[in-house]
mmCIF file of all heavy atoms, coordinates in Angstrom:
data_MODEL
# 
_entry.id   MODEL 
# 
loop_
_atom_site.group_PDB 
_atom_site.id 
_atom_site.type_symbol 
_atom_site.label_atom_id 
_atom_site.label_alt_id 
_atom_site.label_comp_id 
_atom_site.label_asym_id 
_atom_site.label_entity_id 
_atom_site.label_seq_id 
_atom_site.pdbx_PDB_ins_code 
_atom_site.Cartn_x 
_atom_site.Cartn_y 
_atom_site.Cartn_z 
_atom_site.occupancy 
_atom_site.B_iso_or_equiv 
_atom_site.pdbx_formal_charge 
_atom_site.auth_seq_id 
_atom_site.auth_comp_id 
_atom_site.auth_asym_id 
_atom_site.auth_atom_id 
_atom_site.pdbx_PDB_model_num 
ATOM 1   N N   . PRO A 1 1  ? -47.876 26.091 -1.972  1.00 0.00 ? 1  PRO A N   1 
ATOM 2   C CA  . PRO A 1 1  ? -46.566 25.544 -2.353  1.00 0.00 ? 1  PRO A CA  1 
ATOM 3   C C   . PRO A 1 1  ? -46.502 24.024 -2.215  1.00 0.00 ? 1  PRO A C   1 
ATOM 4   O O   . PRO A 1 1  ? -47.089 23.434 -1.303  1.00 0.00 ? 1  PRO A O   1 
ATOM 5   C CB  . PRO A 1 1  ? -45.602 26.210 -1.368  1.00 0.00 ? 1  PRO A CB  1 
ATOM 6   C CG  . PRO A 1 1  ? -46.317 27.409 -0.876  1.00 0.00 ? 1  PRO A CG  1 
ATOM 7   C CD  . PRO A 1 1  ? -47.770 27.046 -0.865  1.00 0.00 ? 1  PRO A CD  1 
ATOM 8   N N   . THR A 1 2  ? -45.791 23.421 -3.144  1.00 0.00 ? 2  THR A N   1 
ATOM 9   C CA  . THR A 1 2  ? -45.510 21.982 -3.078  1.00 0.00 ? 2  THR A CA  1 
ATOM 10  C C   . THR A 1 2  ? -43.993 21.794 -3.044  1.00 0.00 ? 2  THR A C   1 
ATOM 11  O O   . THR A 1 2  ? -43.243 22.752 -2.910  1.00 0.00 ? 2  THR A O   1 
ATOM 12  C CB  . THR A 1 2  ? -46.146 21.259 -4.276  1.00 0.00 ? 2  THR A CB  1 
ATOM 13  O OG1 . THR A 1 2  ? -45.816 21.947 -5.485  1.00 0.00 ? 2  THR A OG1 1 
ATOM 14  C CG2 . THR A 1 2  ? -47.662 21.231 -4.155  1.00 0.00 ? 2  THR A CG2 1 
ATOM 15  N N   . GLY A 1 3  ? -43.522 20.563 -3.162  1.00 0.00 ? 3  GLY A N   1 
ATOM 16  C CA  . GLY A 1 3  ? -42.104 20.285 -2.981  1.00 0.00 ? 3  GLY A CA  1 
ATOM 17  C C   . GLY A 1 3  ? -41.220 20.890 -4.056  1.00 0.00 ? 3  GLY A C   1 
ATOM 18  O O   . GLY A 1 3  ? -41.641 21.101 -5.191  1.00 0.00 ? 3  GLY A O   1 
ATOM 19  N N   . LEU A 1 4  ? -39.942 21.164 -3.701  1.00 0.00 ? 4  LEU A N   1 
ATOM 20  C CA  . LEU A 1 4  ? -39.017 21.717 -4.679  1.00 0.00 ? 4  LEU A CA  1 
ATOM 21  C C   . LEU A 1 4  ? -37.589 21.217 -4.511  1.00 0.00 ? 4  LEU A C   1 
ATOM 22  O O   . LEU A 1 4  ? -36.773 21.358 -5.414  1.00 0.00 ? 4  LEU A O   1 
ATOM 23  C CB  . LEU A 1 4  ? -39.038 23.251 -4.620  1.00 0.00 ? 4  LEU A CB  1 
ATOM 24  C CG  . LEU A 1 4  ? -38.397 23.982 -5.787  1.00 0.00 ? 4  LEU A CG  1 
ATOM 25  C CD1 . LEU A 1 4  ? -39.022 23.560 -7.106  1.00 0.00 ? 4  LEU A CD1 1 
ATOM 26  C CD2 . LEU A 1 4  ? -38.504 25.488 -5.617  1.00 0.00 ? 4  LEU A CD2 1 
ATOM 27  N N   . GLY A 1 5  ? -37.261 20.615 -3.377  1.00 0.00 ? 5  GLY A N   1 
ATOM 28  C CA  . GLY A 1 5  ? -35.890 20.162 -3.164  1.00 0.00 ? 5  GLY A CA  1 
ATOM 29  C C   . GLY A 1 5  ? -35.486 18.973 -4.011  1.00 0.00 ? 5  GLY A C   1 
ATOM 30  O O   . GLY A 1 5  ? -34.296 18.705 -4.173  1.00 0.00 ? 5  GLY A O   1 
ATOM 31  N N   . GLU A 1 6  ? -36.473 18.257 -4.577  1.00 0.00 ? 6  GLU A N   1 
ATOM 32  C CA  . GLU A 1 6  ? -36.177 17.058 -5.348  1.00 0.00 ? 6  GLU A CA  1 
ATOM 33  C C   . GLU A 1 6  ? -36.809 16.996 -6.743  1.00 0.00 ? 6  GLU A C   1 
ATOM 34  O O   . GLU A 1 6  ? -36.248 16.369 -7.643  1.00 0.00 ? 6  GLU A O   1 
ATOM 35  C CB  . GLU A 1 6  ? -36.613 15.820 -4.544  1.00 0.00 ? 6  GLU A CB  1 
ATOM 36  C CG  . GLU A 1 6  ? -35.802 15.642 -3.273  1.00 0.00 ? 6  GLU A CG  1 
ATOM 37  C CD  . GLU A 1 6  ? -36.430 14.663 -2.295  1.00 0.00 ? 6  GLU A CD  1 
ATOM 38  O OE1 . GLU A 1 6  ? -37.432 15.043 -1.657  1.00 0.00 ? 6  GLU A OE1 1 
ATOM 39  O OE2 . GLU A 1 6  ? -35.917 13.542 -2.165  1.00 0.00 ? 6  GLU A OE2 1 
ATOM 40  N N   . PRO A 1 7  ? -37.981 17.593 -6.991  1.00 0.00 ? 7  PRO A N   1 
ATOM 41  C CA  . PRO A 1 7  ? -38.706 17.332 -8.242  1.00 0.00 ? 7  PRO A CA  1 
ATOM 42  C C   . PRO A 1 7  ? -37.980 17.687 -9.534  1.00 0.00 ? 7  PRO A C   1 
ATOM 43  O O   . PRO A 1 7  ? -38.304 17.137 -10.588 1.00 0.00 ? 7  PRO A O   1 
ATOM 44  C CB  . PRO A 1 7  ? -39.966 18.192 -8.092  1.00 0.00 ? 7  PRO A CB  1 
ATOM 45  C CG  . PRO A 1 7  ? -40.153 18.346 -6.636  1.00 0.00 ? 7  PRO A CG  1 
ATOM 46  C CD  . PRO A 1 7  ? -38.775 18.420 -6.069  1.00 0.00 ? 7  PRO A CD  1 
ATOM 47  N N   . ALA A 1 8  ? -37.010 18.596 -9.500  1.00 0.00 ? 8  ALA A N   1 
ATOM 48  C CA  . ALA A 1 8  ? -36.319 18.972 -10.744 1.00 0.00 ? 8  ALA A CA  1 
ATOM 49  C C   . ALA A 1 8  ? -35.187 18.017 -11.100 1.00 0.00 ? 8  ALA A C   1 
ATOM 50  O O   . ALA A 1 8  ? -34.637 18.110 -12.199 1.00 0.00 ? 8  ALA A O   1 
ATOM 51  C CB  . ALA A 1 8  ? -35.778 20.397 -10.634 1.00 0.00 ? 8  ALA A CB  1 
ATOM 52  N N   . LEU A 1 9  ? -34.843 17.092 -10.187 1.00 0.00 ? 9  LEU A N   1 
ATOM 53  C CA  . LEU A 1 9  ? -33.777 16.136 -10.507 1.00 0.00 ? 9  LEU A CA  1 
ATOM 54  C C   . LEU A 1 9  ? -34.243 15.014 -11.432 1.00 0.00 ? 9  LEU A C   1 
ATOM 55  O O   . LEU A 1 9  ? -33.559 14.702 -12.418 1.00 0.00 ? 9  LEU A O   1 
ATOM 56  C CB  . LEU A 1 9  ? -33.173 15.561 -9.220  1.00 0.00 ? 9  LEU A CB  1 
ATOM 57  C CG  . LEU A 1 9  ? -31.939 14.670 -9.398  1.00 0.00 ? 9  LEU A CG  1 
ATOM 58  C CD1 . LEU A 1 9  ? -31.013 14.778 -8.195  1.00 0.00 ? 9  LEU A CD1 1 
ATOM 59  C CD2 . LEU A 1 9  ? -32.287 13.200 -9.624  1.00 0.00 ? 9  LEU A CD2 1 
ATOM 60  N N   . PRO A 1 10 ? -35.387 14.351 -11.178 1.00 0.00 ? 10 PRO A N   1 
ATOM 61  C CA  . PRO A 1 10 ? -35.766 13.198 -12.004 1.00 0.00 ? 10 PRO A CA  1 
ATOM 62  C C   . PRO A 1 10 ? -35.791 13.438 -13.508 1.00 0.00 ? 10 PRO A C   1 
ATOM 63  O O   . PRO A 1 10 ? -35.290 12.598 -14.273 1.00 0.00 ? 10 PRO A O   1 
ATOM 64  C CB  . PRO A 1 10 ? -37.150 12.830 -11.451 1.00 0.00 ? 10 PRO A CB  1 
ATOM 65  C CG  . PRO A 1 10 ? -37.091 13.244 -10.019 1.00 0.00 ? 10 PRO A CG  1 
ATOM 66  C CD  . PRO A 1 10 ? -36.299 14.518 -10.026 1.00 0.00 ? 10 PRO A CD  1 
ATOM 67  N N   . PRO A 1 11 ? -36.331 14.556 -14.014 1.00 0.00 ? 11 PRO A N   1 
ATOM 68  C CA  . PRO A 1 11 ? -36.397 14.689 -15.476 1.00 0.00 ? 11 PRO A CA  1 
ATOM 69  C C   . PRO A 1 11 ? -35.087 15.099 -16.141 1.00 0.00 ? 11 PRO A C   1 
ATOM 70  O O   . PRO A 1 11 ? -34.999 15.087 -17.378 1.00 0.00 ? 11 PRO A O   1 
ATOM 71  C CB  . PRO A 1 11 ? -37.460 15.777 -15.677 1.00 0.00 ? 11 PRO A CB  1 
ATOM 72  C CG  . PRO A 1 11 ? -37.475 16.552 -14.422 1.00 0.00 ? 11 PRO A CG  1 
ATOM 73  C CD  . PRO A 1 11 ? -37.086 15.620 -13.327 1.00 0.00 ? 11 PRO A CD  1 
ATOM 74  N N   . ALA A 1 12 ? -34.061 15.446 -15.374 1.00 0.00 ? 12 ALA A N   1 
ATOM 75  C CA  . ALA A 1 12 ? -32.837 16.011 -15.961 1.00 0.00 ? 12 ALA A CA  1 
ATOM 76  C C   . ALA A 1 12 ? -32.109 15.022 -16.869 1.00 0.00 ? 12 ALA A C   1 
ATOM 77  O O   . ALA A 1 12 ? -31.670 15.376 -17.972 1.00 0.00 ? 12 ALA A O   1 
ATOM 78  C CB  . ALA A 1 12 ? -31.909 16.505 -14.855 1.00 0.00 ? 12 ALA A CB  1 
ATOM 79  N N   . GLY A 1 13 ? -31.938 13.789 -16.417 1.00 0.00 ? 13 GLY A N   1 
ATOM 80  C CA  . GLY A 1 13 ? -31.179 12.815 -17.197 1.00 0.00 ? 13 GLY A CA  1 
ATOM 81  C C   . GLY A 1 13 ? -31.786 12.544 -18.554 1.00 0.00 ? 13 GLY A C   1 
ATOM 82  O O   . GLY A 1 13 ? -31.081 12.463 -19.572 1.00 0.00 ? 13 GLY A O   1 
ATOM 83  N N   . ALA A 1 14 ? -33.115 12.425 -18.604 1.00 0.00 ? 14 ALA A N   1 
ATOM 84  C CA  . ALA A 1 14 ? -33.780 12.126 -19.874 1.00 0.00 ? 14 ALA A CA  1 
ATOM 85  C C   . ALA A 1 14 ? -33.728 13.304 -20.826 1.00 0.00 ? 14 ALA A C   1 
ATOM 86  O O   . ALA A 1 14 ? -33.609 13.129 -22.042 1.00 0.00 ? 14 ALA A O   1 
ATOM 87  C CB  . ALA A 1 14 ? -35.229 11.721 -19.621 1.00 0.00 ? 14 ALA A CB  1 
ATOM 88  N N   . ALA A 1 15 ? -33.847 14.539 -20.299 1.00 0.00 ? 15 ALA A N   1 
ATOM 89  C CA  . ALA A 1 15 ? -33.765 15.716 -21.170 1.00 0.00 ? 15 ALA A CA  1 
ATOM 90  C C   . ALA A 1 15 ? -32.433 15.738 -21.906 1.00 0.00 ? 15 ALA A C   1 
ATOM 91  O O   . ALA A 1 15 ? -32.365 16.060 -23.099 1.00 0.00 ? 15 ALA A O   1 
ATOM 92  C CB  . ALA A 1 15 ? -33.956 16.991 -20.350 1.00 0.00 ? 15 ALA A CB  1 
ATOM 93  N N   . VAL A 1 16 ? -31.371 15.371 -21.210 1.00 0.00 ? 16 VAL A N   1 
ATOM 94  C CA  . VAL A 1 16 ? -30.037 15.346 -21.822 1.00 0.00 ? 16 VAL A CA  1 
ATOM 95  C C   . VAL A 1 16 ? -29.887 14.139 -22.740 1.00 0.00 ? 16 VAL A C   1 
ATOM 96  O O   . VAL A 1 16 ? -29.377 14.252 -23.873 1.00 0.00 ? 16 VAL A O   1 
ATOM 97  C CB  . VAL A 1 16 ? -28.956 15.346 -20.724 1.00 0.00 ? 16 VAL A CB  1 
ATOM 98  C CG1 . VAL A 1 16 ? -27.581 15.058 -21.316 1.00 0.00 ? 16 VAL A CG1 1 
ATOM 99  C CG2 . VAL A 1 16 ? -28.950 16.682 -19.990 1.00 0.00 ? 16 VAL A CG2 1 
ATOM 100 N N   . ALA A 1 17 ? -30.320 12.960 -22.285 1.00 0.00 ? 17 ALA A N   1 
ATOM 101 C CA  . ALA A 1 17 ? -30.180 11.747 -23.102 1.00 0.00 ? 17 ALA A CA  1 
ATOM 102 C C   . ALA A 1 17 ? -30.958 11.874 -24.414 1.00 0.00 ? 17 ALA A C   1 
ATOM 103 O O   . ALA A 1 17 ? -30.473 11.464 -25.478 1.00 0.00 ? 17 ALA A O   1 
ATOM 104 C CB  . ALA A 1 17 ? -30.658 10.526 -22.322 1.00 0.00 ? 17 ALA A CB  1 
ATOM 105 N N   . ASN A 1 18 ? -32.146 12.438 -24.347 1.00 0.00 ? 18 ASN A N   1 
ATOM 106 C CA  . ASN A 1 18 ? -32.937 12.610 -25.561 1.00 0.00 ? 18 ASN A CA  1 
ATOM 107 C C   . ASN A 1 18 ? -32.312 13.643 -26.500 1.00 0.00 ? 18 ASN A C   1 
ATOM 108 O O   . ASN A 1 18 ? -32.423 13.532 -27.724 1.00 0.00 ? 18 ASN A O   1 
ATOM 109 C CB  . ASN A 1 18 ? -34.370 13.004 -25.201 1.00 0.00 ? 18 ASN A CB  1 
ATOM 110 C CG  . ASN A 1 18 ? -35.131 11.867 -24.533 1.00 0.00 ? 18 ASN A CG  1 
ATOM 111 O OD1 . ASN A 1 18 ? -34.826 10.692 -24.740 1.00 0.00 ? 18 ASN A OD1 1 
ATOM 112 N ND2 . ASN A 1 18 ? -36.123 12.211 -23.710 1.00 0.00 ? 18 ASN A ND2 1 
ATOM 113 N N   . ALA A 1 19 ? -31.636 14.635 -25.925 1.00 0.00 ? 19 ALA A N   1 
ATOM 114 C CA  . ALA A 1 19 ? -30.920 15.614 -26.753 1.00 0.00 ? 19 ALA A CA  1 
ATOM 115 C C   . ALA A 1 19 ? -29.684 14.985 -27.388 1.00 0.00 ? 19 ALA A C   1 
ATOM 116 O O   . ALA A 1 19 ? -29.330 15.299 -28.533 1.00 0.00 ? 19 ALA A O   1 
ATOM 117 C CB  . ALA A 1 19 ? -30.530 16.826 -25.913 1.00 0.00 ? 19 ALA A CB  1 
ATOM 118 N N   . ILE A 1 20 ? -29.022 14.096 -26.638 1.00 0.00 ? 20 ILE A N   1 
ATOM 119 C CA  . ILE A 1 20 ? -27.868 13.381 -27.190 1.00 0.00 ? 20 ILE A CA  1 
ATOM 120 C C   . ILE A 1 20 ? -28.301 12.558 -28.400 1.00 0.00 ? 20 ILE A C   1 
ATOM 121 O O   . ILE A 1 20 ? -27.609 12.513 -29.429 1.00 0.00 ? 20 ILE A O   1 
ATOM 122 C CB  . ILE A 1 20 ? -27.217 12.489 -26.109 1.00 0.00 ? 20 ILE A CB  1 
ATOM 123 C CG1 . ILE A 1 20 ? -26.508 13.348 -25.065 1.00 0.00 ? 20 ILE A CG1 1 
ATOM 124 C CG2 . ILE A 1 20 ? -26.229 11.501 -26.741 1.00 0.00 ? 20 ILE A CG2 1 
ATOM 125 C CD1 . ILE A 1 20 ? -25.974 12.571 -23.879 1.00 0.00 ? 20 ILE A CD1 1 
ATOM 126 N N   . PHE A 1 21 ? -29.456 11.914 -28.288 1.00 0.00 ? 21 PHE A N   1 
ATOM 127 C CA  . PHE A 1 21 ? -29.970 11.141 -29.425 1.00 0.00 ? 21 PHE A CA  1 
ATOM 128 C C   . PHE A 1 21 ? -30.237 12.056 -30.619 1.00 0.00 ? 21 PHE A C   1 
ATOM 129 O O   . PHE A 1 21 ? -29.924 11.721 -31.767 1.00 0.00 ? 21 PHE A O   1 
ATOM 130 C CB  . PHE A 1 21 ? -31.250 10.403 -29.031 1.00 0.00 ? 21 PHE A CB  1 
ATOM 131 C CG  . PHE A 1 21 ? -31.904 9.698  -30.176 1.00 0.00 ? 21 PHE A CG  1 
ATOM 132 C CD1 . PHE A 1 21 ? -31.408 8.497  -30.650 1.00 0.00 ? 21 PHE A CD1 1 
ATOM 133 C CD2 . PHE A 1 21 ? -33.014 10.255 -30.814 1.00 0.00 ? 21 PHE A CD2 1 
ATOM 134 C CE1 . PHE A 1 21 ? -31.996 7.840  -31.727 1.00 0.00 ? 21 PHE A CE1 1 
ATOM 135 C CE2 . PHE A 1 21 ? -33.613 9.613  -31.883 1.00 0.00 ? 21 PHE A CE2 1 
ATOM 136 C CZ  . PHE A 1 21 ? -33.102 8.408  -32.349 1.00 0.00 ? 21 PHE A CZ  1 
ATOM 137 N N   . LYS A 1 22 ? -30.826 13.219 -30.350 1.00 0.00 ? 22 LYS A N   1 
ATOM 138 C CA  . LYS A 1 22 ? -31.141 14.149 -31.442 1.00 0.00 ? 22 LYS A CA  1 
ATOM 139 C C   . LYS A 1 22 ? -29.856 14.625 -32.124 1.00 0.00 ? 22 LYS A C   1 
ATOM 140 O O   . LYS A 1 22 ? -29.816 14.803 -33.350 1.00 0.00 ? 22 LYS A O   1 
ATOM 141 C CB  . LYS A 1 22 ? -31.908 15.342 -30.868 1.00 0.00 ? 22 LYS A CB  1 
ATOM 142 C CG  . LYS A 1 22 ? -32.559 16.217 -31.913 1.00 0.00 ? 22 LYS A CG  1 
ATOM 143 C CD  . LYS A 1 22 ? -33.760 15.532 -32.537 1.00 0.00 ? 22 LYS A CD  1 
ATOM 144 C CE  . LYS A 1 22 ? -34.513 16.459 -33.482 1.00 0.00 ? 22 LYS A CE  1 
ATOM 145 N NZ  . LYS A 1 22 ? -35.253 17.509 -32.758 1.00 0.00 ? 22 LYS A NZ  1 
ATOM 146 N N   . ALA A 1 23 ? -28.797 14.812 -31.320 1.00 0.00 ? 23 ALA A N   1 
ATOM 147 C CA  . ALA A 1 23 ? -27.547 15.331 -31.874 1.00 0.00 ? 23 ALA A CA  1 
ATOM 148 C C   . ALA A 1 23 ? -26.718 14.259 -32.567 1.00 0.00 ? 23 ALA A C   1 
ATOM 149 O O   . ALA A 1 23 ? -26.027 14.536 -33.549 1.00 0.00 ? 23 ALA A O   1 
ATOM 150 C CB  . ALA A 1 23 ? -26.723 15.979 -30.758 1.00 0.00 ? 23 ALA A CB  1 
ATOM 151 N N   . SER A 1 24 ? -26.776 13.017 -32.057 1.00 0.00 ? 24 SER A N   1 
ATOM 152 C CA  . SER A 1 24 ? -25.842 11.980 -32.533 1.00 0.00 ? 24 SER A CA  1 
ATOM 153 C C   . SER A 1 24 ? -26.516 10.783 -33.183 1.00 0.00 ? 24 SER A C   1 
ATOM 154 O O   . SER A 1 24 ? -25.862 9.977  -33.854 1.00 0.00 ? 24 SER A O   1 
ATOM 155 C CB  . SER A 1 24 ? -25.003 11.479 -31.362 1.00 0.00 ? 24 SER A CB  1 
ATOM 156 O OG  . SER A 1 24 ? -25.821 10.790 -30.417 1.00 0.00 ? 24 SER A OG  1 
ATOM 157 N N   . GLY A 1 25 ? -27.834 10.608 -32.941 1.00 0.00 ? 25 GLY A N   1 
ATOM 158 C CA  . GLY A 1 25 ? -28.515 9.420  -33.436 1.00 0.00 ? 25 GLY A CA  1 
ATOM 159 C C   . GLY A 1 25 ? -28.283 8.195  -32.576 1.00 0.00 ? 25 GLY A C   1 
ATOM 160 O O   . GLY A 1 25 ? -28.710 7.097  -32.926 1.00 0.00 ? 25 GLY A O   1 
ATOM 161 N N   . LYS A 1 26 ? -27.629 8.373  -31.414 1.00 0.00 ? 26 LYS A N   1 
ATOM 162 C CA  . LYS A 1 26 ? -27.331 7.257  -30.511 1.00 0.00 ? 26 LYS A CA  1 
ATOM 163 C C   . LYS A 1 26 ? -28.211 7.338  -29.273 1.00 0.00 ? 26 LYS A C   1 
ATOM 164 O O   . LYS A 1 26 ? -28.307 8.382  -28.627 1.00 0.00 ? 26 LYS A O   1 
ATOM 165 C CB  . LYS A 1 26 ? -25.854 7.274  -30.101 1.00 0.00 ? 26 LYS A CB  1 
ATOM 166 C CG  . LYS A 1 26 ? -24.878 7.163  -31.275 1.00 0.00 ? 26 LYS A CG  1 
ATOM 167 C CD  . LYS A 1 26 ? -24.932 5.790  -31.915 1.00 0.00 ? 26 LYS A CD  1 
ATOM 168 C CE  . LYS A 1 26 ? -23.880 5.656  -33.017 1.00 0.00 ? 26 LYS A CE  1 
ATOM 169 N NZ  . LYS A 1 26 ? -23.898 4.321  -33.649 1.00 0.00 ? 26 LYS A NZ  1 
ATOM 170 N N   . ARG A 1 27 ? -28.835 6.225  -28.943 1.00 0.00 ? 27 ARG A N   1 
ATOM 171 C CA  . ARG A 1 27 ? -29.740 6.170  -27.800 1.00 0.00 ? 27 ARG A CA  1 
ATOM 172 C C   . ARG A 1 27 ? -28.986 5.657  -26.574 1.00 0.00 ? 27 ARG A C   1 
ATOM 173 O O   . ARG A 1 27 ? -28.501 4.520  -26.560 1.00 0.00 ? 27 ARG A O   1 
ATOM 174 C CB  . ARG A 1 27 ? -30.912 5.249  -28.105 1.00 0.00 ? 27 ARG A CB  1 
ATOM 175 C CG  . ARG A 1 27 ? -31.951 5.166  -27.027 1.00 0.00 ? 27 ARG A CG  1 
ATOM 176 C CD  . ARG A 1 27 ? -32.762 6.431  -26.902 1.00 0.00 ? 27 ARG A CD  1 
ATOM 177 N NE  . ARG A 1 27 ? -33.595 6.696  -28.076 1.00 0.00 ? 27 ARG A NE  1 
ATOM 178 C CZ  . ARG A 1 27 ? -34.369 7.768  -28.207 1.00 0.00 ? 27 ARG A CZ  1 
ATOM 179 N NH1 . ARG A 1 27 ? -34.387 8.692  -27.250 1.00 0.00 ? 27 ARG A NH1 1 
ATOM 180 N NH2 . ARG A 1 27 ? -35.101 7.944  -29.299 1.00 0.00 ? 27 ARG A NH2 1 
ATOM 181 N N   . VAL A 1 28 ? -28.881 6.498  -25.548 1.00 0.00 ? 28 VAL A N   1 
ATOM 182 C CA  . VAL A 1 28 ? -28.197 6.125  -24.309 1.00 0.00 ? 28 VAL A CA  1 
ATOM 183 C C   . VAL A 1 28 ? -29.233 5.569  -23.338 1.00 0.00 ? 28 VAL A C   1 
ATOM 184 O O   . VAL A 1 28 ? -30.199 6.247  -22.994 1.00 0.00 ? 28 VAL A O   1 
ATOM 185 C CB  . VAL A 1 28 ? -27.485 7.346  -23.689 1.00 0.00 ? 28 VAL A CB  1 
ATOM 186 C CG1 . VAL A 1 28 ? -26.786 6.942  -22.394 1.00 0.00 ? 28 VAL A CG1 1 
ATOM 187 C CG2 . VAL A 1 28 ? -26.487 7.941  -24.671 1.00 0.00 ? 28 VAL A CG2 1 
ATOM 188 N N   . ARG A 1 29 ? -29.015 4.331  -22.894 1.00 0.00 ? 29 ARG A N   1 
ATOM 189 C CA  . ARG A 1 29 ? -30.003 3.689  -22.021 1.00 0.00 ? 29 ARG A CA  1 
ATOM 190 C C   . ARG A 1 29 ? -29.453 3.336  -20.644 1.00 0.00 ? 29 ARG A C   1 
ATOM 191 O O   . ARG A 1 29 ? -30.209 2.900  -19.780 1.00 0.00 ? 29 ARG A O   1 
ATOM 192 C CB  . ARG A 1 29 ? -30.530 2.404  -22.684 1.00 0.00 ? 29 ARG A CB  1 
ATOM 193 C CG  . ARG A 1 29 ? -31.293 2.632  -23.989 1.00 0.00 ? 29 ARG A CG  1 
ATOM 194 C CD  . ARG A 1 29 ? -32.017 1.359  -24.405 1.00 0.00 ? 29 ARG A CD  1 
ATOM 195 N NE  . ARG A 1 29 ? -32.768 1.541  -25.649 1.00 0.00 ? 29 ARG A NE  1 
ATOM 196 C CZ  . ARG A 1 29 ? -32.297 1.220  -26.846 1.00 0.00 ? 29 ARG A CZ  1 
ATOM 197 N NH1 . ARG A 1 29 ? -31.080 0.683  -26.967 1.00 0.00 ? 29 ARG A NH1 1 
ATOM 198 N NH2 . ARG A 1 29 ? -33.028 1.415  -27.921 1.00 0.00 ? 29 ARG A NH2 1 
# 
């Protein structure tokens, strides 16, 4: 086993921001 209390947080924002771009054409930075 390796860590789990934190590793799933870092990629969350980009997964949503990149989906927002796909849906709207607007890049959130």
